[in-house]
PDB file of N, CA and C in Angstrom:
ATOM      1  N   MET A   1      15.482  48.277  68.030  1.00  0.00           N
ATOM      2  CA  MET A   1      16.689  49.045  68.211  1.00  0.00           C
ATOM      3  C   MET A   1      17.825  48.332  67.500  1.00  0.00           C
ATOM      4  N   LEU A   2      18.561  49.050  66.673  1.00  0.00           N
ATOM      5  CA  LEU A   2      19.691  48.479  65.960  1.00  0.00           C
ATOM      6  C   LEU A   2      20.930  48.529  66.838  1.00  0.00           C
ATOM      7  N   CYS A   3      21.740  47.495  66.713  1.00  0.00           N
ATOM      8  CA  CYS A   3      22.959  47.423  67.516  1.00  0.00           C
ATOM      9  C   CYS A   3      24.147  47.857  66.678  1.00  0.00           C
ATOM     10  N   LYS A   4      25.077  48.495  67.327  1.00  0.00           N
ATOM     11  CA  LYS A   4      26.328  48.864  66.683  1.00  0.00           C
ATOM     12  C   LYS A   4      27.437  48.100  67.375  1.00  0.00           C
ATOM     13  N   ALA A   5      28.455  47.763  66.621  1.00  0.00           N
ATOM     14  CA  ALA A   5      29.611  47.117  67.230  1.00  0.00           C
ATOM     15  C   ALA A   5      30.335  48.151  68.084  1.00  0.00           C
ATOM     16  N   ILE A   6      30.756  47.728  69.240  1.00  0.00           N
ATOM     17  CA  ILE A   6      31.442  48.627  70.164  1.00  0.00           C
ATOM     18  C   ILE A   6      32.935  48.347  70.086  1.00  0.00           C
ATOM     19  N   ASP A   7      33.695  49.386  69.947  1.00  0.00           N
ATOM     20  CA  ASP A   7      35.147  49.252  69.925  1.00  0.00           C
ATOM     21  C   ASP A   7      35.592  48.738  71.289  1.00  0.00           C
ATOM     22  N   PRO A   8      36.262  47.582  71.344  1.00  0.00           N
ATOM     23  CA  PRO A   8      36.655  47.020  72.641  1.00  0.00           C
ATOM     24  C   PRO A   8      37.634  47.895  73.420  1.00  0.00           C
ATOM     25  N   LYS A   9      38.260  48.825  72.746  1.00  0.00           N
ATOM     26  CA  LYS A   9      39.208  49.708  73.424  1.00  0.00           C
ATOM     27  C   LYS A   9      38.506  50.854  74.145  1.00  0.00           C
ATOM     28  N   LYS A  10      37.260  51.117  73.749  1.00  0.00           N
ATOM     29  CA  LYS A  10      36.509  52.205  74.363  1.00  0.00           C
ATOM     30  C   LYS A  10      35.750  51.699  75.575  1.00  0.00           C
ATOM     31  N   LYS A  11      35.525  52.578  76.516  1.00  0.00           N
ATOM     32  CA  LYS A  11      34.790  52.238  77.722  1.00  0.00           C
ATOM     33  C   LYS A  11      33.300  52.457  77.484  1.00  0.00           C
ATOM     34  N   LEU A  12      32.490  51.518  77.946  1.00  0.00           N
ATOM     35  CA  LEU A  12      31.044  51.611  77.809  1.00  0.00           C
ATOM     36  C   LEU A  12      30.471  51.973  79.164  1.00  0.00           C
ATOM     37  N   THR A  13      29.722  53.057  79.220  1.00  0.00           N
ATOM     38  CA  THR A  13      29.147  53.507  80.489  1.00  0.00           C
ATOM     39  C   THR A  13      27.635  53.594  80.354  1.00  0.00           C
ATOM     40  N   LEU A  14      26.927  52.930  81.278  1.00  0.00           N
ATOM     41  CA  LEU A  14      25.465  52.988  81.316  1.00  0.00           C
ATOM     42  C   LEU A  14      25.061  53.486  82.692  1.00  0.00           C
ATOM     43  N   SER A  15      24.126  54.406  82.720  1.00  0.00           N
ATOM     44  CA  SER A  15      23.703  54.959  84.009  1.00  0.00           C
ATOM     45  C   SER A  15      22.845  53.952  84.771  1.00  0.00           C
ATOM     46  N   ARG A  16      22.872  54.031  86.091  1.00  0.00           N
ATOM     47  CA  ARG A  16      22.055  53.136  86.925  1.00  0.00           C
ATOM     48  C   ARG A  16      20.571  53.366  86.654  1.00  0.00           C
ATOM     49  N   LYS A  17      20.200  54.623  86.428  1.00  0.00           N
ATOM     50  CA  LYS A  17      18.806  54.964  86.159  1.00  0.00           C
ATOM     51  C   LYS A  17      18.332  54.250  84.881  1.00  0.00           C
ATOM     52  N   PHE A  18      19.163  54.292  83.855  1.00  0.00           N
ATOM     53  CA  PHE A  18      18.850  53.648  82.585  1.00  0.00           C
ATOM     54  C   PHE A  18      18.706  52.136  82.776  1.00  0.00           C
ATOM     55  N   LEU A  19      19.621  51.539  83.517  1.00  0.00           N
ATOM     56  CA  LEU A  19      19.585  50.099  83.736  1.00  0.00           C
ATOM     57  C   LEU A  19      18.364  49.675  84.554  1.00  0.00           C
ATOM     58  N   ARG A  20      18.005  50.452  85.551  1.00  0.00           N
ATOM     59  CA  ARG A  20      16.833  50.127  86.362  1.00  0.00           C
ATOM     60  C   ARG A  20      15.558  50.233  85.530  1.00  0.00           C
ATOM     61  N   ARG A  21      15.507  51.263  84.713  1.00  0.00           N
ATOM     62  CA  ARG A  21      14.319  51.495  83.889  1.00  0.00           C
ATOM     63  C   ARG A  21      14.157  50.368  82.852  1.00  0.00           C
ATOM     64  N   LYS A  22      15.249  49.891  82.310  1.00  0.00           N
ATOM     65  CA  LYS A  22      15.207  48.862  81.271  1.00  0.00           C
ATOM     66  C   LYS A  22      15.389  47.448  81.825  1.00  0.00           C
ATOM     67  N   SER A  23      15.456  47.284  83.120  1.00  0.00           N
ATOM     68  CA  SER A  23      15.651  45.981  83.774  1.00  0.00           C
ATOM     69  C   SER A  23      16.990  45.349  83.428  1.00  0.00           C
ATOM     70  N   GLY A  24      17.958  46.146  83.065  1.00  0.00           N
ATOM     71  CA  GLY A  24      19.307  45.634  82.806  1.00  0.00           C
ATOM     72  C   GLY A  24      19.526  45.217  81.368  1.00  0.00           C
ATOM     73  N   TYR A  25      20.758  44.937  81.042  1.00  0.00           N
ATOM     74  CA  TYR A  25      21.168  44.501  79.718  1.00  0.00           C
ATOM     75  C   TYR A  25      22.182  43.390  79.846  1.00  0.00           C
ATOM     76  N   VAL A  26      22.288  42.586  78.802  1.00  0.00           N
ATOM     77  CA  VAL A  26      23.304  41.541  78.730  1.00  0.00           C
ATOM     78  C   VAL A  26      24.193  41.880  77.552  1.00  0.00           C
ATOM     79  N   ILE A  27      25.477  41.883  77.780  1.00  0.00           N
ATOM     80  CA  ILE A  27      26.423  42.180  76.708  1.00  0.00           C
ATOM     81  C   ILE A  27      27.184  40.903  76.397  1.00  0.00           C
ATOM     82  N   LEU A  28      27.093  40.463  75.145  1.00  0.00           N
ATOM     83  CA  LEU A  28      27.742  39.234  74.696  1.00  0.00           C
ATOM     84  C   LEU A  28      28.628  39.528  73.498  1.00  0.00           C
ATOM     85  N   SER A  29      29.639  38.710  73.331  1.00  0.00           N
ATOM     86  CA  SER A  29      30.437  38.802  72.115  1.00  0.00           C
ATOM     87  C   SER A  29      29.607  38.236  70.967  1.00  0.00           C
ATOM     88  N   ILE A  30      29.970  38.545  69.744  1.00  0.00           N
ATOM     89  CA  ILE A  30      29.255  38.034  68.576  1.00  0.00           C
ATOM     90  C   ILE A  30      29.302  36.505  68.583  1.00  0.00           C
ATOM     91  N   GLU A  31      30.430  35.951  68.942  1.00  0.00           N
ATOM     92  CA  GLU A  31      30.587  34.492  68.980  1.00  0.00           C
ATOM     93  C   GLU A  31      29.620  33.861  69.989  1.00  0.00           C
ATOM     94  N   GLU A  32      29.536  34.426  71.178  1.00  0.00           N
ATOM     95  CA  GLU A  32      28.625  33.911  72.194  1.00  0.00           C
ATOM     96  C   GLU A  32      27.172  34.053  71.747  1.00  0.00           C
ATOM     97  N   TYR A  33      26.847  35.196  71.145  1.00  0.00           N
ATOM     98  CA  TYR A  33      25.485  35.445  70.665  1.00  0.00           C
ATOM     99  C   TYR A  33      25.109  34.422  69.592  1.00  0.00           C
ATOM    100  N   THR A  34      26.020  34.150  68.661  1.00  0.00           N
ATOM    101  CA  THR A  34      25.775  33.189  67.597  1.00  0.00           C
ATOM    102  C   THR A  34      25.528  31.796  68.173  1.00  0.00           C
ATOM    103  N   LYS A  35      26.356  31.398  69.137  1.00  0.00           N
ATOM    104  CA  LYS A  35      26.174  30.087  69.766  1.00  0.00           C
ATOM    105  C   LYS A  35      24.827  29.998  70.487  1.00  0.00           C
ATOM    106  N   LEU A  36      24.442  31.073  71.158  1.00  0.00           N
ATOM    107  CA  LEU A  36      23.160  31.113  71.852  1.00  0.00           C
ATOM    108  C   LEU A  36      22.007  30.946  70.862  1.00  0.00           C
ATOM    109  N   CYS A  37      22.068  31.652  69.749  1.00  0.00           N
ATOM    110  CA  CYS A  37      21.022  31.553  68.722  1.00  0.00           C
ATOM    111  C   CYS A  37      20.951  30.138  68.150  1.00  0.00           C
ATOM    112  N   GLU A  38      22.105  29.503  67.951  1.00  0.00           N
ATOM    113  CA  GLU A  38      22.125  28.149  67.419  1.00  0.00           C
ATOM    114  C   GLU A  38      21.492  27.160  68.394  1.00  0.00           C
ATOM    115  N   ARG A  39      21.707  27.353  69.679  1.00  0.00           N
ATOM    116  CA  ARG A  39      21.137  26.444  70.681  1.00  0.00           C
ATOM    117  C   ARG A  39      19.627  26.615  70.797  1.00  0.00           C
ATOM    118  N   ILE A  40      19.127  27.815  70.559  1.00  0.00           N
ATOM    119  CA  ILE A  40      17.701  28.092  70.688  1.00  0.00           C
ATOM    120  C   ILE A  40      16.918  27.513  69.510  1.00  0.00           C
ATOM    121  N   THR A  41      17.513  27.536  68.317  1.00  0.00           N
ATOM    122  CA  THR A  41      16.839  27.075  67.113  1.00  0.00           C
ATOM    123  C   THR A  41      16.722  25.557  67.130  1.00  0.00           C
ATOM    124  N   PRO A  42      15.516  25.030  66.976  1.00  0.00           N
ATOM    125  CA  PRO A  42      15.374  23.565  66.994  1.00  0.00           C
ATOM    126  C   PRO A  42      16.005  22.928  65.760  1.00  0.00           C
ATOM    127  N   VAL A  43      16.575  21.763  65.934  1.00  0.00           N
ATOM    128  CA  VAL A  43      17.193  21.018  64.845  1.00  0.00           C
ATOM    129  C   VAL A  43      16.441  19.706  64.704  1.00  0.00           C
ATOM    130  N   TYR A  44      16.031  19.407  63.498  1.00  0.00           N
ATOM    131  CA  TYR A  44      15.309  18.174  63.237  1.00  0.00           C
ATOM    132  C   TYR A  44      16.139  17.298  62.310  1.00  0.00           C
ATOM    133  N   TYR A  45      16.253  16.043  62.644  1.00  0.00           N
ATOM    134  CA  TYR A  45      16.966  15.082  61.810  1.00  0.00           C
ATOM    135  C   TYR A  45      15.952  14.088  61.267  1.00  0.00           C
ATOM    136  N   LEU A  46      15.889  13.997  59.946  1.00  0.00           N
ATOM    137  CA  LEU A  46      14.969  13.055  59.324  1.00  0.00           C
ATOM    138  C   LEU A  46      15.694  11.743  59.074  1.00  0.00           C
ATOM    139  N   LYS A  47      14.950  10.656  59.136  1.00  0.00           N
ATOM    140  CA  LYS A  47      15.545   9.332  58.926  1.00  0.00           C
ATOM    141  C   LYS A  47      14.792   8.599  57.827  1.00  0.00           C
ATOM    142  N   GLU A  48      15.489   7.717  57.201  1.00  0.00           N
ATOM    143  CA  GLU A  48      14.970   6.764  56.230  1.00  0.00           C
ATOM    144  C   GLU A  48      14.043   7.377  55.193  1.00  0.00           C
ATOM    145  N   LYS A  49      12.769   6.971  55.177  1.00  0.00           N
ATOM    146  CA  LYS A  49      11.846   7.392  54.120  1.00  0.00           C
ATOM    147  C   LYS A  49      11.624   8.899  54.100  1.00  0.00           C
ATOM    148  N   SER A  50      11.530   9.506  55.266  1.00  0.00           N
ATOM    149  CA  SER A  50      11.314  10.959  55.322  1.00  0.00           C
ATOM    150  C   SER A  50      12.489  11.695  54.692  1.00  0.00           C
ATOM    151  N   ALA A  51      13.699  11.283  55.041  1.00  0.00           N
ATOM    152  CA  ALA A  51      14.897  11.932  54.513  1.00  0.00           C
ATOM    153  C   ALA A  51      15.007  11.708  53.009  1.00  0.00           C
ATOM    154  N   GLN A  52      14.703  10.491  52.562  1.00  0.00           N
ATOM    155  CA  GLN A  52      14.768  10.196  51.130  1.00  0.00           C
ATOM    156  C   GLN A  52      13.733  11.007  50.362  1.00  0.00           C
ATOM    157  N   ALA A  53      12.552  11.180  50.928  1.00  0.00           N
ATOM    158  CA  ALA A  53      11.500  11.953  50.255  1.00  0.00           C
ATOM    159  C   ALA A  53      11.908  13.414  50.113  1.00  0.00           C
ATOM    160  N   ILE A  54      12.490  13.977  51.157  1.00  0.00           N
ATOM    161  CA  ILE A  54      12.945  15.374  51.096  1.00  0.00           C
ATOM    162  C   ILE A  54      14.084  15.525  50.094  1.00  0.00           C
ATOM    163  N   ASP A  55      15.024  14.573  50.093  1.00  0.00           N
ATOM    164  CA  ASP A  55      16.137  14.615  49.132  1.00  0.00           C
ATOM    165  C   ASP A  55      15.618  14.573  47.704  1.00  0.00           C
ATOM    166  N   LYS A  56      14.644  13.696  47.444  1.00  0.00           N
ATOM    167  CA  LYS A  56      14.070  13.574  46.100  1.00  0.00           C
ATOM    168  C   LYS A  56      13.372  14.871  45.695  1.00  0.00           C
ATOM    169  N   LEU A  57      12.593  15.440  46.618  1.00  0.00           N
ATOM    170  CA  LEU A  57      11.887  16.690  46.353  1.00  0.00           C
ATOM    171  C   LEU A  57      12.872  17.814  46.041  1.00  0.00           C
ATOM    172  N   TYR A  58      13.959  17.871  46.800  1.00  0.00           N
ATOM    173  CA  TYR A  58      14.989  18.890  46.582  1.00  0.00           C
ATOM    174  C   TYR A  58      15.626  18.725  45.202  1.00  0.00           C
ATOM    175  N   LYS A  59      16.002  17.492  44.858  1.00  0.00           N
ATOM    176  CA  LYS A  59      16.648  17.238  43.565  1.00  0.00           C
ATOM    177  C   LYS A  59      15.727  17.605  42.402  1.00  0.00           C
ATOM    178  N   GLU A  60      14.442  17.251  42.523  1.00  0.00           N
ATOM    179  CA  GLU A  60      13.482  17.596  41.471  1.00  0.00           C
ATOM    180  C   GLU A  60      13.331  19.110  41.344  1.00  0.00           C
ATOM    181  N   GLY A  61      13.259  19.784  42.471  1.00  0.00           N
ATOM    182  CA  GLY A  61      13.136  21.240  42.453  1.00  0.00           C
ATOM    183  C   GLY A  61      14.336  21.919  41.833  1.00  0.00           C
ATOM    184  N   MET A  62      15.525  21.439  42.168  1.00  0.00           N
ATOM    185  CA  MET A  62      16.735  22.039  41.598  1.00  0.00           C
ATOM    186  C   MET A  62      16.825  21.764  40.103  1.00  0.00           C
ATOM    187  N   LYS A  63      16.401  20.582  39.680  1.00  0.00           N
ATOM    188  CA  LYS A  63      16.402  20.243  38.254  1.00  0.00           C
ATOM    189  C   LYS A  63      15.470  21.197  37.496  1.00  0.00           C
ATOM    190  N   GLU A  64      14.271  21.442  38.056  1.00  0.00           N
ATOM    191  CA  GLU A  64      13.326  22.373  37.433  1.00  0.00           C
ATOM    192  C   GLU A  64      13.874  23.796  37.419  1.00  0.00           C
ATOM    193  N   TYR A  65      14.534  24.188  38.510  1.00  0.00           N
ATOM    194  CA  TYR A  65      15.099  25.541  38.591  1.00  0.00           C
ATOM    195  C   TYR A  65      16.160  25.751  37.514  1.00  0.00           C
ATOM    196  N   TYR A  66      17.078  24.802  37.389  1.00  0.00           N
ATOM    197  CA  TYR A  66      18.161  24.952  36.412  1.00  0.00           C
ATOM    198  C   TYR A  66      17.692  24.791  34.971  1.00  0.00           C
ATOM    199  N   SER A  67      16.573  24.095  34.777  1.00  0.00           N
ATOM    200  CA  SER A  67      16.061  23.953  33.413  1.00  0.00           C
ATOM    201  C   SER A  67      15.204  25.150  32.996  1.00  0.00           C
ATOM    202  N   GLY A  68      14.967  26.103  33.915  1.00  0.00           N
ATOM    203  CA  GLY A  68      14.241  27.318  33.582  1.00  0.00           C
ATOM    204  C   GLY A  68      12.734  27.218  33.751  1.00  0.00           C
ATOM    205  N   LYS A  69      12.258  26.186  34.424  1.00  0.00           N
ATOM    206  CA  LYS A  69      10.816  26.015  34.608  1.00  0.00           C
ATOM    207  C   LYS A  69      10.264  26.888  35.731  1.00  0.00           C
ATOM    208  N   CYS A  70      11.127  27.493  36.525  1.00  0.00           N
ATOM    209  CA  CYS A  70      10.678  28.327  37.646  1.00  0.00           C
ATOM    210  C   CYS A  70      10.575  29.782  37.201  1.00  0.00           C
ATOM    211  N   LYS A  71       9.650  30.506  37.824  1.00  0.00           N
ATOM    212  CA  LYS A  71       9.535  31.931  37.518  1.00  0.00           C
ATOM    213  C   LYS A  71       9.468  32.715  38.830  1.00  0.00           C
ATOM    214  N   THR A  72       9.842  33.971  38.758  1.00  0.00           N
ATOM    215  CA  THR A  72       9.826  34.839  39.928  1.00  0.00           C
ATOM    216  C   THR A  72       8.462  35.496  40.049  1.00  0.00           C
ATOM    217  N   LEU A  73       7.883  35.439  41.251  1.00  0.00           N
ATOM    218  CA  LEU A  73       6.584  36.053  41.495  1.00  0.00           C
ATOM    219  C   LEU A  73       6.752  37.288  42.367  1.00  0.00           C
ATOM    220  N   LYS A  74       5.982  38.324  42.068  1.00  0.00           N
ATOM    221  CA  LYS A  74       6.016  39.519  42.895  1.00  0.00           C
ATOM    222  C   LYS A  74       5.034  39.423  44.052  1.00  0.00           C
ATOM    223  N   SER A  75       4.005  38.572  43.900  1.00  0.00           N
ATOM    224  CA  SER A  75       3.055  38.356  44.983  1.00  0.00           C
ATOM    225  C   SER A  75       2.409  36.995  44.799  1.00  0.00           C
ATOM    226  N   LEU A  76       1.751  36.523  45.846  1.00  0.00           N
ATOM    227  CA  LEU A  76       1.104  35.230  45.770  1.00  0.00           C
ATOM    228  C   LEU A  76      -0.119  35.237  44.852  1.00  0.00           C
ATOM    229  N   SER A  77      -0.638  36.410  44.536  1.00  0.00           N
ATOM    230  CA  SER A  77      -1.792  36.499  43.636  1.00  0.00           C
ATOM    231  C   SER A  77      -1.417  36.102  42.202  1.00  0.00           C
ATOM    232  N   GLU A  78      -0.139  36.049  41.881  1.00  0.00           N
ATOM    233  CA  GLU A  78       0.311  35.655  40.548  1.00  0.00           C
ATOM    234  C   GLU A  78       0.326  34.140  40.360  1.00  0.00           C
ATOM    235  N   LEU A  79       0.113  33.387  41.451  1.00  0.00           N
ATOM    236  CA  LEU A  79       0.055  31.932  41.329  1.00  0.00           C
ATOM    237  C   LEU A  79      -1.188  31.527  40.563  1.00  0.00           C
ATOM    238  N   ASP A  80      -1.023  30.631  39.607  1.00  0.00           N
ATOM    239  CA  ASP A  80      -2.180  30.171  38.813  1.00  0.00           C
ATOM    240  C   ASP A  80      -2.386  28.695  39.012  1.00  0.00           C
TER     241      ASP A  80
END
């Protein structure tokens, strides 16, 4: 189900029957929803050798990308 932004000036009315059938709803502001999503997503911090290895891999990848060595694939079957 897609959500639409609700005009805060308008009144939102939900029937008791609808709420009972759907076990209720939670209404959050976009800011609260964003914070909730950020707290749920795990955050990993790499240290020392792991972080250096990822940094090196990233730099090499970006160098290849900007030098034109990368190509766009339409599917994984195009990998050789």
